[in-house]
């Protein structure tokens, strides 16, 4: 049933995202030609500046809209009047939450790929590709000099941490919305306040942890080289636990304390 929910979610949301991607690609193609024109003044320059600005704004907007739109769908589908229908379906609460979470992650990374492809369309010349490869190579060499053979482990851990952090931030919004619906009045306000409280509490906790661990780690060059074996695994574990707690709390509220009135 999870697959069916995700398929339905994909159909409902693709009608929003695919046209945005198409517009972004079209603007990128236009910029591909206008940026390589030799005319630096007049109408061509105005057109170039306009479409360049549009592409930058649209690229940022797509990434922001992706997350915001999927969060709004979570609230609208599960905790508004539509929730009466969703929670009468023969599906588990876990499947409802997971379908929203997985599709949010899917569309975010799809949007990110769309933005990167649009940049490649505009700047994808042989010289730029060679420069990009050179930068990547230099970065890997610097990581190897700092962390030795552990730089591969560091890259893997960084990727895992980035994915977990994104997941945790989405789940943090979910739990804030779930807590907000426990109130009889001003549910949206309660959700915003809940998120602000959760966010500030987590930031304070992380600040204390990073300040404490950072003081000891960066006092010693050897300890810096142990980041892949010590610091990153601890941070990954902490964020993972945060994901589990946030998901569990969201599930408990939606499954046991649902209030759609």
Protein backbone atom coordinates (compact mmCIF):
# COMPACT_ATOMS: atom_id res chain seq x y z
CA UNK A 1 0.00 0.00 0.00
CA UNK A 2 2.96 2.32 0.60
CA UNK A 3 3.81 2.03 -3.10
CA UNK A 4 0.27 3.01 -4.08
CA UNK A 5 0.31 6.02 -1.77
CA UNK A 6 3.64 7.16 -3.22
CA UNK A 7 2.34 6.62 -6.77
CA UNK A 8 -0.71 8.76 -6.01
CA UNK A 9 1.50 11.41 -4.38
CA UNK A 10 3.79 11.42 -7.41
CA UNK A 11 0.92 11.96 -9.82
CA UNK A 12 -0.54 14.75 -7.70
CA UNK A 13 2.75 16.62 -7.28
CA UNK A 14 4.40 16.02 -10.67
CA UNK A 15 1.83 18.37 -12.23
CA UNK A 16 3.45 21.16 -10.22
CA UNK A 17 7.14 20.29 -10.47
CA UNK A 18 7.54 19.13 -14.08
CA UNK A 19 6.31 22.45 -15.54
CA UNK A 20 8.73 24.30 -13.24
CA UNK A 21 11.60 22.11 -14.44
CA UNK A 22 10.58 22.69 -18.07
CA UNK A 23 10.56 26.46 -17.59
CA UNK A 24 13.97 26.29 -15.91
CA UNK A 25 15.45 24.26 -18.77
CA UNK A 26 14.01 26.63 -21.38
CA UNK A 27 15.50 29.65 -19.61
CA UNK A 28 18.81 27.82 -19.34
CA UNK A 29 18.85 27.19 -23.09
CA UNK A 30 18.17 30.88 -23.72
CA UNK A 31 21.00 31.84 -21.35
CA UNK A 32 23.28 29.35 -23.08
CA UNK A 33 23.04 31.42 -26.27
CA UNK A 34 22.77 34.94 -24.87
CA UNK A 35 25.73 34.62 -22.48
CA UNK A 36 28.05 33.65 -25.34
CA UNK A 37 27.12 36.55 -27.58
CA UNK A 38 29.87 39.09 -28.11
CA UNK A 39 27.60 42.12 -27.71
CA UNK A 40 28.16 43.73 -24.29
CA UNK A 41 25.77 46.65 -24.59
CA UNK A 42 22.27 47.46 -25.72
CA UNK A 43 19.22 45.26 -25.92
CA UNK A 44 21.13 41.96 -25.94
CA UNK A 45 22.82 42.82 -22.65
CA UNK A 46 19.50 43.77 -21.08
CA UNK A 47 17.96 40.49 -22.24
CA UNK A 48 20.97 38.55 -20.93
CA UNK A 49 20.81 40.19 -17.51
CA UNK A 50 17.06 39.62 -17.33
CA UNK A 51 17.15 35.89 -18.12
CA UNK A 52 20.20 35.36 -15.90
CA UNK A 53 18.35 36.94 -12.99
CA UNK A 54 15.25 34.89 -13.76
CA UNK A 55 17.27 31.67 -13.75
CA UNK A 56 18.94 32.47 -10.42
CA UNK A 57 15.64 33.40 -8.78
CA UNK A 58 13.82 30.40 -10.27
CA UNK A 59 16.56 27.98 -9.21
CA UNK A 60 16.38 29.15 -5.61
CA UNK A 61 12.58 29.27 -5.72
CA UNK A 62 12.31 25.69 -6.99
CA UNK A 63 14.35 24.33 -4.08
CA UNK A 64 12.37 26.34 -1.54
CA UNK A 65 8.99 25.68 -3.13
CA UNK A 66 9.69 21.95 -3.27
CA UNK A 67 10.02 21.61 0.50
CA UNK A 68 7.30 24.14 1.35
CA UNK A 69 4.79 22.63 -1.07
CA UNK A 70 5.35 19.10 0.24
CA UNK A 71 5.01 20.28 3.84
CA UNK A 72 1.76 22.05 2.97
CA UNK A 73 0.53 18.80 1.38
CA UNK A 74 1.38 16.93 4.59
CA UNK A 75 -0.75 19.34 6.59
CA UNK A 76 -3.56 19.59 4.05
CA UNK A 77 -3.84 15.85 3.32
CA UNK A 78 -3.50 14.54 6.87
CA UNK A 79 -4.50 17.27 9.30
CA UNK A 80 -7.13 19.35 7.52
CA UNK A 81 -10.60 18.25 6.45
CA UNK A 82 -8.97 15.87 3.94
CA UNK A 83 -7.61 13.93 6.91
CA UNK A 84 -11.06 12.42 7.53
CA UNK A 85 -10.73 10.63 4.20
CA UNK A 86 -7.02 9.77 4.44
CA UNK A 87 -7.33 8.12 7.86
CA UNK A 88 -10.32 6.03 6.77
CA UNK A 89 -8.27 4.40 4.03
CA UNK A 90 -7.13 0.80 4.72
CA UNK A 91 -3.54 1.92 5.30
CA UNK A 92 -1.37 2.23 8.37
CA UNK A 93 -0.37 5.57 9.85
CA UNK A 94 3.26 4.61 9.22
CA UNK A 95 2.53 4.34 5.50
CA UNK A 96 0.84 7.75 5.39
CA UNK A 97 3.80 9.45 7.08
CA UNK A 98 6.44 7.56 5.11
CA UNK A 99 4.78 8.25 1.76
CA UNK A 100 4.88 11.99 2.47
CA UNK A 101 8.45 11.89 3.78
CA UNK A 102 9.90 9.78 0.96
CA UNK A 103 8.21 11.82 -1.76
CA UNK A 104 9.45 15.04 -0.17
CA UNK A 105 13.01 13.70 -0.25
CA UNK A 106 12.52 12.45 -3.81
CA UNK A 107 11.29 15.80 -5.12
CA UNK A 108 13.97 17.76 -3.26
CA UNK A 109 16.79 15.75 -4.84
CA UNK A 110 15.03 15.83 -8.21
CA UNK A 111 14.77 19.61 -7.94
CA UNK A 112 18.43 19.80 -6.97
CA UNK A 113 19.38 17.73 -10.02
CA UNK A 114 17.22 19.98 -12.22
CA UNK A 115 19.07 23.05 -10.94
CA UNK A 116 22.47 21.42 -11.50
CA UNK A 117 21.48 20.34 -15.02
CA UNK A 118 20.31 23.88 -15.79
CA UNK A 119 23.71 25.21 -14.69
CA UNK A 120 25.45 22.63 -16.88
CA UNK A 121 23.34 23.70 -19.86
CA UNK A 122 24.48 27.29 -19.40
CA UNK A 123 28.13 26.81 -18.42
CA UNK A 124 28.90 23.34 -19.78
CA UNK A 125 31.90 24.12 -21.98
CA UNK A 126 35.03 21.98 -22.21
CA UNK A 127 37.06 24.63 -20.39
CA UNK A 128 34.57 24.85 -17.54
CA UNK A 129 34.31 21.07 -17.27
CA UNK A 130 38.11 20.83 -17.10
CA UNK A 131 38.19 23.54 -14.43
CA UNK A 132 35.49 21.73 -12.44
CA UNK A 133 37.41 18.44 -12.61
CA UNK A 134 40.57 20.27 -11.52
CA UNK A 135 38.77 21.80 -8.52
CA UNK A 136 37.39 18.39 -7.50
CA UNK A 137 40.83 16.83 -7.85
CA UNK A 138 42.42 19.59 -5.75
CA UNK A 139 39.75 19.16 -3.10
CA UNK A 140 40.35 15.42 -2.90
CA UNK A 141 44.10 16.01 -2.62
CA UNK A 142 43.53 18.47 0.23
CA UNK A 143 41.27 16.00 2.02
CA UNK A 144 43.84 13.25 1.54
CA UNK A 145 46.56 15.50 2.98
CA UNK A 146 44.42 16.28 6.04
CA UNK A 147 42.82 12.91 6.69
CA UNK A 148 44.99 10.40 4.84
CA UNK A 149 43.15 7.31 3.67
CA UNK A 150 40.15 8.31 5.77
CA UNK A 151 39.06 11.02 3.35
CA UNK A 152 36.83 8.54 1.50
CA UNK A 153 35.17 7.62 4.78
CA UNK A 154 34.76 11.32 5.54
CA UNK A 155 32.99 11.94 2.20
CA UNK A 156 30.67 8.98 2.78
CA UNK A 157 29.87 10.18 6.30
CA UNK A 158 29.27 13.72 5.08
CA UNK A 159 26.80 12.42 2.47
CA UNK A 160 24.98 10.34 5.08
CA UNK A 161 24.91 13.30 7.47
CA UNK A 162 23.49 15.60 4.78
CA UNK A 163 20.70 13.12 4.00
CA UNK A 164 19.91 12.54 7.67
CA UNK A 165 19.95 16.29 8.39
CA UNK A 166 17.47 16.96 5.58
CA UNK A 167 15.26 14.12 6.81
CA UNK A 168 15.47 15.37 10.39
CA UNK A 169 14.49 18.90 9.42
CA UNK A 170 11.45 17.62 7.52
CA UNK A 171 10.44 15.40 10.45
CA UNK A 172 10.91 18.35 12.78
CA UNK A 173 8.26 20.22 10.80
CA UNK A 174 6.02 17.13 10.87
CA UNK A 175 6.18 16.85 14.66
CA UNK A 176 5.56 20.58 15.05
CA UNK A 177 2.44 20.29 12.84
CA UNK A 178 1.32 17.20 14.75
CA UNK A 179 1.72 18.98 18.09
CA UNK A 180 -0.11 22.02 16.74
CA UNK A 181 -3.18 19.97 15.83
CA UNK A 182 -3.52 18.90 19.47
CA UNK A 183 -4.79 22.40 20.24
CA UNK A 184 -8.48 23.16 19.76
CA UNK A 185 -7.88 26.67 18.41
CA UNK A 186 -5.18 28.45 16.41
CA UNK A 187 -3.62 25.18 15.27
CA UNK A 188 -1.37 26.78 12.66
CA UNK A 189 -0.08 29.31 15.18
CA UNK A 190 0.56 26.50 17.64
CA UNK A 191 2.46 24.59 14.93
CA UNK A 192 4.70 27.59 14.18
CA UNK A 193 5.35 28.16 17.88
CA UNK A 194 6.09 24.45 18.39
CA UNK A 195 8.56 24.46 15.52
CA UNK A 196 10.28 27.58 16.86
CA UNK A 197 10.61 26.01 20.32
CA UNK A 198 11.91 22.69 18.95
CA UNK A 199 14.32 24.43 16.58
CA UNK A 200 15.80 26.74 19.21
CA UNK A 201 16.15 23.90 21.72
CA UNK A 202 17.97 21.72 19.17
CA UNK A 203 20.22 24.59 18.05
CA UNK A 204 21.14 25.31 21.66
CA UNK A 205 21.91 21.65 22.27
CA UNK A 206 24.06 21.38 19.12
CA UNK A 207 25.84 24.61 19.97
CA UNK A 208 26.81 23.26 23.37
CA UNK A 209 27.95 19.92 21.92
CA UNK A 210 29.93 21.48 19.06
CA UNK A 211 31.49 24.12 21.28
CA UNK A 212 32.57 21.50 23.80
CA UNK A 213 33.84 18.92 21.33
CA UNK A 214 35.32 21.52 18.99
CA UNK A 215 37.46 23.01 21.74
CA UNK A 216 39.17 19.69 22.40
CA UNK A 217 39.36 18.49 18.79
CA UNK A 218 40.85 21.61 17.24
CA UNK A 219 43.40 22.00 20.00
CA UNK A 220 45.24 19.00 18.60
CA UNK A 221 46.16 18.35 14.97
CA UNK A 222 45.97 14.62 15.58
CA UNK A 223 42.41 14.91 16.84
CA UNK A 224 41.42 16.78 13.67
CA UNK A 225 42.53 13.77 11.64
CA UNK A 226 40.26 11.53 13.74
CA UNK A 227 37.09 13.39 12.70
CA UNK A 228 35.93 10.52 10.40
CA UNK A 229 36.32 7.95 13.21
CA UNK A 230 35.06 9.99 16.17
CA UNK A 231 33.24 13.28 15.58
CA UNK A 232 31.26 12.46 12.43
CA UNK A 233 29.95 9.08 13.69
CA UNK A 234 28.78 10.78 16.91
CA UNK A 235 27.01 13.55 14.99
CA UNK A 236 25.46 11.04 12.56
CA UNK A 237 24.22 8.92 15.46
CA UNK A 238 22.80 11.99 17.20
CA UNK A 239 20.91 13.16 14.10
CA UNK A 240 19.70 9.60 13.45
CA UNK A 241 18.30 9.39 16.98
CA UNK A 242 16.64 12.77 16.39
CA UNK A 243 14.99 11.35 13.26
CA UNK A 244 13.73 8.31 15.16
CA UNK A 245 12.35 10.42 18.03
CA UNK A 246 10.69 12.93 15.69
CA UNK A 247 9.16 10.21 13.54
CA UNK A 248 8.02 8.22 16.56
CA UNK A 249 6.41 11.24 18.18
CA UNK A 250 4.65 12.20 14.93
CA UNK A 251 3.36 8.66 14.51
CA UNK A 252 2.14 8.47 18.12
CA UNK A 253 0.20 11.73 17.86
CA UNK A 254 -1.37 10.95 14.47
CA UNK A 255 -2.19 7.38 15.44
CA UNK A 256 -3.34 7.83 19.04
CA UNK A 257 -4.21 11.51 19.54
CA UNK A 258 -5.50 12.65 16.17
CA UNK A 259 -7.69 15.75 16.48
CA UNK A 260 -9.22 16.98 13.21
CA UNK A 261 -11.93 19.10 14.81
